[in-house]
Amino acid sequence: MQTNNPILDHVAKAMADAAGAADGVRREAETVMRSQLQRLLADMELVTREEFEIVRDLAEATRLENDALKARLDKLEADQSAG
């Protein structure tokens, strides 16, 4: 922005420079915080979504198999009691 007043021009340039510097500081702070958060999460040994879903599916399959085996055992016991 250009005006006929050099003081206002200087103030406007200083504000623009300050805004640029503030943006740089913000980006640097975000980078540092992101890095720290990633390190913290890595130290926590959290499972990935994919690993969680695999284990959940295995647990569901195991539960279904146990239900089927229980039904089969109940039937065999009932047949043995009746016979």
PDB file of N, CA and C in Angstrom:
ATOM      1  N   MET A   1       0.851  -1.164   0.000  1.00  0.00           N
ATOM      2  CA  MET A   1       0.000   0.000   0.000  1.00  0.00           C
ATOM      3  C   MET A   1       0.897   1.226   0.000  1.00  0.00           C
ATOM      4  N   GLN A   2       0.713   2.104  -0.934  1.00  0.00           N
ATOM      5  CA  GLN A   2       1.501   3.325  -1.050  1.00  0.00           C
ATOM      6  C   GLN A   2       0.623   4.519  -0.720  1.00  0.00           C
ATOM      7  N   THR A   3       1.178   5.409   0.103  1.00  0.00           N
ATOM      8  CA  THR A   3       0.494   6.664   0.414  1.00  0.00           C
ATOM      9  C   THR A   3       1.483   7.790   0.197  1.00  0.00           C
ATOM     10  N   ASN A   4       1.032   8.997   0.389  1.00  0.00           N
ATOM     11  CA  ASN A   4       1.924  10.147   0.284  1.00  0.00           C
ATOM     12  C   ASN A   4       2.663  10.389   1.595  1.00  0.00           C
ATOM     13  N   ASN A   5       2.325   9.657   2.619  1.00  0.00           N
ATOM     14  CA  ASN A   5       2.931   9.837   3.922  1.00  0.00           C
ATOM     15  C   ASN A   5       3.963   8.740   4.169  1.00  0.00           C
ATOM     16  N   PRO A   6       5.279   9.077   4.210  1.00  0.00           N
ATOM     17  CA  PRO A   6       6.305   8.045   4.388  1.00  0.00           C
ATOM     18  C   PRO A   6       6.203   7.343   5.739  1.00  0.00           C
ATOM     19  N   ILE A   7       5.683   8.005   6.755  1.00  0.00           N
ATOM     20  CA  ILE A   7       5.539   7.362   8.063  1.00  0.00           C
ATOM     21  C   ILE A   7       4.509   6.242   7.977  1.00  0.00           C
ATOM     22  N   LEU A   8       3.376   6.526   7.320  1.00  0.00           N
ATOM     23  CA  LEU A   8       2.351   5.483   7.157  1.00  0.00           C
ATOM     24  C   LEU A   8       2.868   4.346   6.291  1.00  0.00           C
ATOM     25  N   ASP A   9       3.649   4.667   5.261  1.00  0.00           N
ATOM     26  CA  ASP A   9       4.248   3.618   4.423  1.00  0.00           C
ATOM     27  C   ASP A   9       5.166   2.732   5.255  1.00  0.00           C
ATOM     28  N   HIS A  10       5.964   3.359   6.121  1.00  0.00           N
ATOM     29  CA  HIS A  10       6.886   2.613   6.972  1.00  0.00           C
ATOM     30  C   HIS A  10       6.114   1.719   7.964  1.00  0.00           C
ATOM     31  N   VAL A  11       5.059   2.257   8.554  1.00  0.00           N
ATOM     32  CA  VAL A  11       4.236   1.486   9.485  1.00  0.00           C
ATOM     33  C   VAL A  11       3.579   0.300   8.764  1.00  0.00           C
ATOM     34  N   ALA A  12       3.066   0.539   7.581  1.00  0.00           N
ATOM     35  CA  ALA A  12       2.429  -0.531   6.815  1.00  0.00           C
ATOM     36  C   ALA A  12       3.437  -1.615   6.465  1.00  0.00           C
ATOM     37  N   LYS A  13       4.652  -1.226   6.064  1.00  0.00           N
ATOM     38  CA  LYS A  13       5.698  -2.214   5.746  1.00  0.00           C
ATOM     39  C   LYS A  13       6.088  -2.992   6.997  1.00  0.00           C
ATOM     40  N   ALA A  14       6.220  -2.312   8.125  1.00  0.00           N
ATOM     41  CA  ALA A  14       6.580  -2.970   9.376  1.00  0.00           C
ATOM     42  C   ALA A  14       5.502  -3.976   9.786  1.00  0.00           C
ATOM     43  N   MET A  15       4.248  -3.616   9.619  1.00  0.00           N
ATOM     44  CA  MET A  15       3.149  -4.524   9.960  1.00  0.00           C
ATOM     45  C   MET A  15       3.159  -5.742   9.048  1.00  0.00           C
ATOM     46  N   ALA A  16       3.415  -5.529   7.759  1.00  0.00           N
ATOM     47  CA  ALA A  16       3.470  -6.648   6.826  1.00  0.00           C
ATOM     48  C   ALA A  16       4.632  -7.574   7.182  1.00  0.00           C
ATOM     49  N   ASP A  17       5.784  -6.997   7.522  1.00  0.00           N
ATOM     50  CA  ASP A  17       6.939  -7.808   7.921  1.00  0.00           C
ATOM     51  C   ASP A  17       6.646  -8.578   9.209  1.00  0.00           C
ATOM     52  N   ALA A  18       5.987  -7.932  10.163  1.00  0.00           N
ATOM     53  CA  ALA A  18       5.647  -8.581  11.427  1.00  0.00           C
ATOM     54  C   ALA A  18       4.682  -9.741  11.193  1.00  0.00           C
ATOM     55  N   ALA A  19       3.726  -9.536  10.302  1.00  0.00           N
ATOM     56  CA  ALA A  19       2.771 -10.603   9.997  1.00  0.00           C
ATOM     57  C   ALA A  19       3.485 -11.799   9.373  1.00  0.00           C
ATOM     58  N   GLY A  20       4.438 -11.532   8.487  1.00  0.00           N
ATOM     59  CA  GLY A  20       5.214 -12.612   7.877  1.00  0.00           C
ATOM     60  C   GLY A  20       6.037 -13.359   8.910  1.00  0.00           C
ATOM     61  N   ALA A  21       6.665 -12.611   9.825  1.00  0.00           N
ATOM     62  CA  ALA A  21       7.463 -13.242  10.873  1.00  0.00           C
ATOM     63  C   ALA A  21       6.572 -14.076  11.797  1.00  0.00           C
ATOM     64  N   ALA A  22       5.405 -13.550  12.143  1.00  0.00           N
ATOM     65  CA  ALA A  22       4.482 -14.282  13.011  1.00  0.00           C
ATOM     66  C   ALA A  22       4.031 -15.578  12.344  1.00  0.00           C
ATOM     67  N   ASP A  23       3.807 -15.538  11.043  1.00  0.00           N
ATOM     68  CA  ASP A  23       3.399 -16.740  10.319  1.00  0.00           C
ATOM     69  C   ASP A  23       4.523 -17.775  10.343  1.00  0.00           C
ATOM     70  N   GLY A  24       5.760 -17.307  10.191  1.00  0.00           N
ATOM     71  CA  GLY A  24       6.900 -18.214  10.257  1.00  0.00           C
ATOM     72  C   GLY A  24       7.031 -18.865  11.622  1.00  0.00           C
ATOM     73  N   VAL A  25       6.829 -18.092  12.679  1.00  0.00           N
ATOM     74  CA  VAL A  25       6.884 -18.622  14.038  1.00  0.00           C
ATOM     75  C   VAL A  25       5.763 -19.638  14.247  1.00  0.00           C
ATOM     76  N   ARG A  26       4.583 -19.328  13.734  1.00  0.00           N
ATOM     77  CA  ARG A  26       3.451 -20.256  13.869  1.00  0.00           C
ATOM     78  C   ARG A  26       3.762 -21.585  13.183  1.00  0.00           C
ATOM     79  N   ARG A  27       4.311 -21.523  11.963  1.00  0.00           N
ATOM     80  CA  ARG A  27       4.631 -22.760  11.243  1.00  0.00           C
ATOM     81  C   ARG A  27       5.705 -23.562  11.969  1.00  0.00           C
ATOM     82  N   GLU A  28       6.713 -22.867  12.514  1.00  0.00           N
ATOM     83  CA  GLU A  28       7.770 -23.555  13.258  1.00  0.00           C
ATOM     84  C   GLU A  28       7.205 -24.216  14.513  1.00  0.00           C
ATOM     85  N   ALA A  29       6.319 -23.516  15.220  1.00  0.00           N
ATOM     86  CA  ALA A  29       5.702 -24.083  16.424  1.00  0.00           C
ATOM     87  C   ALA A  29       4.860 -25.303  16.067  1.00  0.00           C
ATOM     88  N   GLU A  30       4.118 -25.249  14.976  1.00  0.00           N
ATOM     89  CA  GLU A  30       3.319 -26.396  14.545  1.00  0.00           C
ATOM     90  C   GLU A  30       4.217 -27.589  14.232  1.00  0.00           C
ATOM     91  N   THR A  31       5.338 -27.324  13.568  1.00  0.00           N
ATOM     92  CA  THR A  31       6.263 -28.402  13.219  1.00  0.00           C
ATOM     93  C   THR A  31       6.831 -29.055  14.469  1.00  0.00           C
ATOM     94  N   VAL A  32       7.241 -28.246  15.432  1.00  0.00           N
ATOM     95  CA  VAL A  32       7.802 -28.777  16.675  1.00  0.00           C
ATOM     96  C   VAL A  32       6.740 -29.572  17.437  1.00  0.00           C
ATOM     97  N   MET A  33       5.536 -29.023  17.551  1.00  0.00           N
ATOM     98  CA  MET A  33       4.476 -29.731  18.283  1.00  0.00           C
ATOM     99  C   MET A  33       4.096 -31.029  17.578  1.00  0.00           C
ATOM    100  N   ARG A  34       4.023 -31.009  16.261  1.00  0.00           N
ATOM    101  CA  ARG A  34       3.691 -32.229  15.520  1.00  0.00           C
ATOM    102  C   ARG A  34       4.761 -33.294  15.750  1.00  0.00           C
ATOM    103  N   SER A  35       6.010 -32.890  15.723  1.00  0.00           N
ATOM    104  CA  SER A  35       7.111 -33.820  15.953  1.00  0.00           C
ATOM    105  C   SER A  35       7.045 -34.408  17.355  1.00  0.00           C
ATOM    106  N   GLN A  36       6.797 -33.575  18.347  1.00  0.00           N
ATOM    107  CA  GLN A  36       6.694 -34.049  19.730  1.00  0.00           C
ATOM    108  C   GLN A  36       5.512 -35.005  19.888  1.00  0.00           C
ATOM    109  N   LEU A  37       4.387 -34.682  19.280  1.00  0.00           N
ATOM    110  CA  LEU A  37       3.202 -35.540  19.376  1.00  0.00           C
ATOM    111  C   LEU A  37       3.453 -36.891  18.715  1.00  0.00           C
ATOM    112  N   GLN A  38       4.114 -36.877  17.557  1.00  0.00           N
ATOM    113  CA  GLN A  38       4.418 -38.137  16.884  1.00  0.00           C
ATOM    114  C   GLN A  38       5.341 -38.998  17.738  1.00  0.00           C
ATOM    115  N   ARG A  39       6.334 -38.378  18.388  1.00  0.00           N
ATOM    116  CA  ARG A  39       7.235 -39.123  19.247  1.00  0.00           C
ATOM    117  C   ARG A  39       6.490 -39.690  20.460  1.00  0.00           C
ATOM    118  N   LEU A  40       5.610 -38.893  21.036  1.00  0.00           N
ATOM    119  CA  LEU A  40       4.822 -39.345  22.182  1.00  0.00           C
ATOM    120  C   LEU A  40       3.945 -40.531  21.803  1.00  0.00           C
ATOM    121  N   LEU A  41       3.274 -40.444  20.663  1.00  0.00           N
ATOM    122  CA  LEU A  41       2.412 -41.539  20.225  1.00  0.00           C
ATOM    123  C   LEU A  41       3.220 -42.799  19.925  1.00  0.00           C
ATOM    124  N   ALA A  42       4.407 -42.627  19.354  1.00  0.00           N
ATOM    125  CA  ALA A  42       5.260 -43.782  19.063  1.00  0.00           C
ATOM    126  C   ALA A  42       5.694 -44.455  20.365  1.00  0.00           C
ATOM    127  N   ASP A  43       5.983 -43.655  21.395  1.00  0.00           N
ATOM    128  CA  ASP A  43       6.391 -44.209  22.685  1.00  0.00           C
ATOM    129  C   ASP A  43       5.248 -44.936  23.386  1.00  0.00           C
ATOM    130  N   MET A  44       4.017 -44.598  23.068  1.00  0.00           N
ATOM    131  CA  MET A  44       2.858 -45.214  23.719  1.00  0.00           C
ATOM    132  C   MET A  44       2.547 -46.584  23.148  1.00  0.00           C
ATOM    133  N   GLU A  45       3.161 -46.958  22.043  1.00  0.00           N
ATOM    134  CA  GLU A  45       2.958 -48.256  21.407  1.00  0.00           C
ATOM    135  C   GLU A  45       1.484 -48.527  21.108  1.00  0.00           C
ATOM    136  N   LEU A  46       0.818 -47.570  20.537  1.00  0.00           N
ATOM    137  CA  LEU A  46      -0.584 -47.736  20.164  1.00  0.00           C
ATOM    138  C   LEU A  46      -0.684 -48.608  18.916  1.00  0.00           C
ATOM    139  N   VAL A  47      -1.789 -49.317  18.789  1.00  0.00           N
ATOM    140  CA  VAL A  47      -1.998 -50.140  17.604  1.00  0.00           C
ATOM    141  C   VAL A  47      -2.616 -49.285  16.501  1.00  0.00           C
ATOM    142  N   THR A  48      -2.377 -49.714  15.276  1.00  0.00           N
ATOM    143  CA  THR A  48      -2.989 -49.012  14.152  1.00  0.00           C
ATOM    144  C   THR A  48      -4.441 -49.452  14.021  1.00  0.00           C
ATOM    145  N   ARG A  49      -5.189 -48.703  13.274  1.00  0.00           N
ATOM    146  CA  ARG A  49      -6.596 -49.046  13.033  1.00  0.00           C
ATOM    147  C   ARG A  49      -6.683 -50.412  12.356  1.00  0.00           C
ATOM    148  N   GLU A  50      -5.773 -50.649  11.406  1.00  0.00           N
ATOM    149  CA  GLU A  50      -5.768 -51.915  10.683  1.00  0.00           C
ATOM    150  C   GLU A  50      -5.504 -53.087  11.634  1.00  0.00           C
ATOM    151  N   GLU A  51      -4.543 -52.941  12.532  1.00  0.00           N
ATOM    152  CA  GLU A  51      -4.251 -53.997  13.497  1.00  0.00           C
ATOM    153  C   GLU A  51      -5.446 -54.244  14.416  1.00  0.00           C
ATOM    154  N   PHE A  52      -6.091 -53.172  14.846  1.00  0.00           N
ATOM    155  CA  PHE A  52      -7.266 -53.299  15.708  1.00  0.00           C
ATOM    156  C   PHE A  52      -8.377 -54.066  15.000  1.00  0.00           C
ATOM    157  N   GLU A  53      -8.633 -53.720  13.744  1.00  0.00           N
ATOM    158  CA  GLU A  53      -9.707 -54.380  13.000  1.00  0.00           C
ATOM    159  C   GLU A  53      -9.399 -55.858  12.774  1.00  0.00           C
ATOM    160  N   ILE A  54      -8.132 -56.195  12.552  1.00  0.00           N
ATOM    161  CA  ILE A  54      -7.755 -57.601  12.370  1.00  0.00           C
ATOM    162  C   ILE A  54      -8.037 -58.393  13.647  1.00  0.00           C
ATOM    163  N   VAL A  55      -7.609 -57.857  14.783  1.00  0.00           N
ATOM    164  CA  VAL A  55      -7.831 -58.548  16.060  1.00  0.00           C
ATOM    165  C   VAL A  55      -9.318 -58.633  16.373  1.00  0.00           C
ATOM    166  N   ARG A  56     -10.074 -57.566  16.069  1.00  0.00           N
ATOM    167  CA  ARG A  56     -11.520 -57.586  16.298  1.00  0.00           C
ATOM    168  C   ARG A  56     -12.174 -58.678  15.454  1.00  0.00           C
ATOM    169  N   ASP A  57     -11.762 -58.787  14.184  1.00  0.00           N
ATOM    170  CA  ASP A  57     -12.325 -59.822  13.311  1.00  0.00           C
ATOM    171  C   ASP A  57     -11.968 -61.222  13.808  1.00  0.00           C
ATOM    172  N   LEU A  58     -10.731 -61.391  14.296  1.00  0.00           N
ATOM    173  CA  LEU A  58     -10.339 -62.699  14.845  1.00  0.00           C
ATOM    174  C   LEU A  58     -11.162 -63.036  16.084  1.00  0.00           C
ATOM    175  N   ALA A  59     -11.384 -62.048  16.938  1.00  0.00           N
ATOM    176  CA  ALA A  59     -12.186 -62.281  18.143  1.00  0.00           C
ATOM    177  C   ALA A  59     -13.616 -62.653  17.769  1.00  0.00           C
ATOM    178  N   GLU A  60     -14.169 -61.986  16.777  1.00  0.00           N
ATOM    179  CA  GLU A  60     -15.535 -62.294  16.331  1.00  0.00           C
ATOM    180  C   GLU A  60     -15.607 -63.714  15.764  1.00  0.00           C
ATOM    181  N   ALA A  61     -14.611 -64.088  14.952  1.00  0.00           N
ATOM    182  CA  ALA A  61     -14.592 -65.437  14.378  1.00  0.00           C
ATOM    183  C   ALA A  61     -14.455 -66.479  15.482  1.00  0.00           C
ATOM    184  N   THR A  62     -13.636 -66.200  16.473  1.00  0.00           N
ATOM    185  CA  THR A  62     -13.460 -67.121  17.598  1.00  0.00           C
ATOM    186  C   THR A  62     -14.748 -67.262  18.389  1.00  0.00           C
ATOM    187  N   ARG A  63     -15.439 -66.152  18.602  1.00  0.00           N
ATOM    188  CA  ARG A  63     -16.711 -66.202  19.334  1.00  0.00           C
ATOM    189  C   ARG A  63     -17.734 -67.048  18.578  1.00  0.00           C
ATOM    190  N   LEU A  64     -17.818 -66.855  17.265  1.00  0.00           N
ATOM    191  CA  LEU A  64     -18.755 -67.646  16.460  1.00  0.00           C
ATOM    192  C   LEU A  64     -18.404 -69.131  16.514  1.00  0.00           C
ATOM    193  N   GLU A  65     -17.107 -69.441  16.445  1.00  0.00           N
ATOM    194  CA  GLU A  65     -16.687 -70.839  16.514  1.00  0.00           C
ATOM    195  C   GLU A  65     -17.018 -71.431  17.886  1.00  0.00           C
ATOM    196  N   ASN A  66     -16.791 -70.670  18.946  1.00  0.00           N
ATOM    197  CA  ASN A  66     -17.130 -71.146  20.297  1.00  0.00           C
ATOM    198  C   ASN A  66     -18.626 -71.371  20.439  1.00  0.00           C
ATOM    199  N   ASP A  67     -19.435 -70.471  19.890  1.00  0.00           N
ATOM    200  CA  ASP A  67     -20.889 -70.649  19.941  1.00  0.00           C
ATOM    201  C   ASP A  67     -21.303 -71.925  19.217  1.00  0.00           C
ATOM    202  N   ALA A  68     -20.691 -72.173  18.056  1.00  0.00           N
ATOM    203  CA  ALA A  68     -21.023 -73.376  17.286  1.00  0.00           C
ATOM    204  C   ALA A  68     -20.601 -74.633  18.047  1.00  0.00           C
ATOM    205  N   LEU A  69     -19.418 -74.585  18.645  1.00  0.00           N
ATOM    206  CA  LEU A  69     -18.952 -75.744  19.412  1.00  0.00           C
ATOM    207  C   LEU A  69     -19.818 -75.985  20.635  1.00  0.00           C
ATOM    208  N   LYS A  70     -20.249 -74.921  21.303  1.00  0.00           N
ATOM    209  CA  LYS A  70     -21.124 -75.068  22.468  1.00  0.00           C
ATOM    210  C   LYS A  70     -22.455 -75.693  22.055  1.00  0.00           C
ATOM    211  N   ALA A  71     -23.014 -75.237  20.950  1.00  0.00           N
ATOM    212  CA  ALA A  71     -24.273 -75.807  20.474  1.00  0.00           C
ATOM    213  C   ALA A  71     -24.098 -77.291  20.151  1.00  0.00           C
ATOM    214  N   ARG A  72     -22.968 -77.617  19.533  1.00  0.00           N
ATOM    215  CA  ARG A  72     -22.704 -79.016  19.184  1.00  0.00           C
ATOM    216  C   ARG A  72     -22.557 -79.868  20.456  1.00  0.00           C
ATOM    217  N   LEU A  73     -21.827 -79.332  21.433  1.00  0.00           N
ATOM    218  CA  LEU A  73     -21.643 -80.051  22.697  1.00  0.00           C
ATOM    219  C   LEU A  73     -22.976 -80.226  23.421  1.00  0.00           C
ATOM    220  N   ASP A  74     -23.784 -79.159  23.452  1.00  0.00           N
ATOM    221  CA  ASP A  74     -25.100 -79.256  24.091  1.00  0.00           C
ATOM    222  C   ASP A  74     -25.940 -80.337  23.424  1.00  0.00           C
ATOM    223  N   LYS A  75     -25.889 -80.407  22.086  1.00  0.00           N
ATOM    224  CA  LYS A  75     -26.655 -81.422  21.359  1.00  0.00           C
ATOM    225  C   LYS A  75     -26.163 -82.821  21.684  1.00  0.00           C
ATOM    226  N   LEU A  76     -24.821 -82.997  21.719  1.00  0.00           N
ATOM    227  CA  LEU A  76     -24.267 -84.313  22.033  1.00  0.00           C
ATOM    228  C   LEU A  76     -24.648 -84.731  23.464  1.00  0.00           C
ATOM    229  N   GLU A  77     -24.577 -83.796  24.397  1.00  0.00           N
ATOM    230  CA  GLU A  77     -24.949 -84.118  25.769  1.00  0.00           C
ATOM    231  C   GLU A  77     -26.432 -84.468  25.886  1.00  0.00           C
ATOM    232  N   ALA A  78     -27.268 -83.744  25.137  1.00  0.00           N
ATOM    233  CA  ALA A  78     -28.699 -84.026  25.159  1.00  0.00           C
ATOM    234  C   ALA A  78     -28.986 -85.391  24.550  1.00  0.00           C
ATOM    235  N   ASP A  79     -28.284 -85.721  23.455  1.00  0.00           N
ATOM    236  CA  ASP A  79     -28.463 -87.027  22.809  1.00  0.00           C
ATOM    237  C   ASP A  79     -28.005 -88.148  23.744  1.00  0.00           C
ATOM    238  N   GLN A  80     -26.928 -87.915  24.459  1.00  0.00           N
ATOM    239  CA  GLN A  80     -26.394 -88.940  25.356  1.00  0.00           C
ATOM    240  C   GLN A  80     -27.327 -89.150  26.555  1.00  0.00           C
ATOM    241  N   SER A  81     -27.899 -88.033  27.038  1.00  0.00           N
ATOM    242  CA  SER A  81     -28.829 -88.148  28.165  1.00  0.00           C
ATOM    243  C   SER A  81     -30.112 -88.863  27.752  1.00  0.00           C
ATOM    244  N   ALA A  82     -30.523 -88.644  26.524  1.00  0.00           N
ATOM    245  CA  ALA A  82     -31.768 -89.252  26.040  1.00  0.00           C
ATOM    246  C   ALA A  82     -31.561 -90.717  25.693  1.00  0.00           C
ATOM    247  N   GLY A  83     -30.367 -91.068  25.310  1.00  0.00           N
ATOM    248  CA  GLY A  83     -30.146 -92.429  24.820  1.00  0.00           C
ATOM    249  C   GLY A  83     -29.640 -93.341  25.803  1.00  0.00           C
TER     250      GLY A  83
END
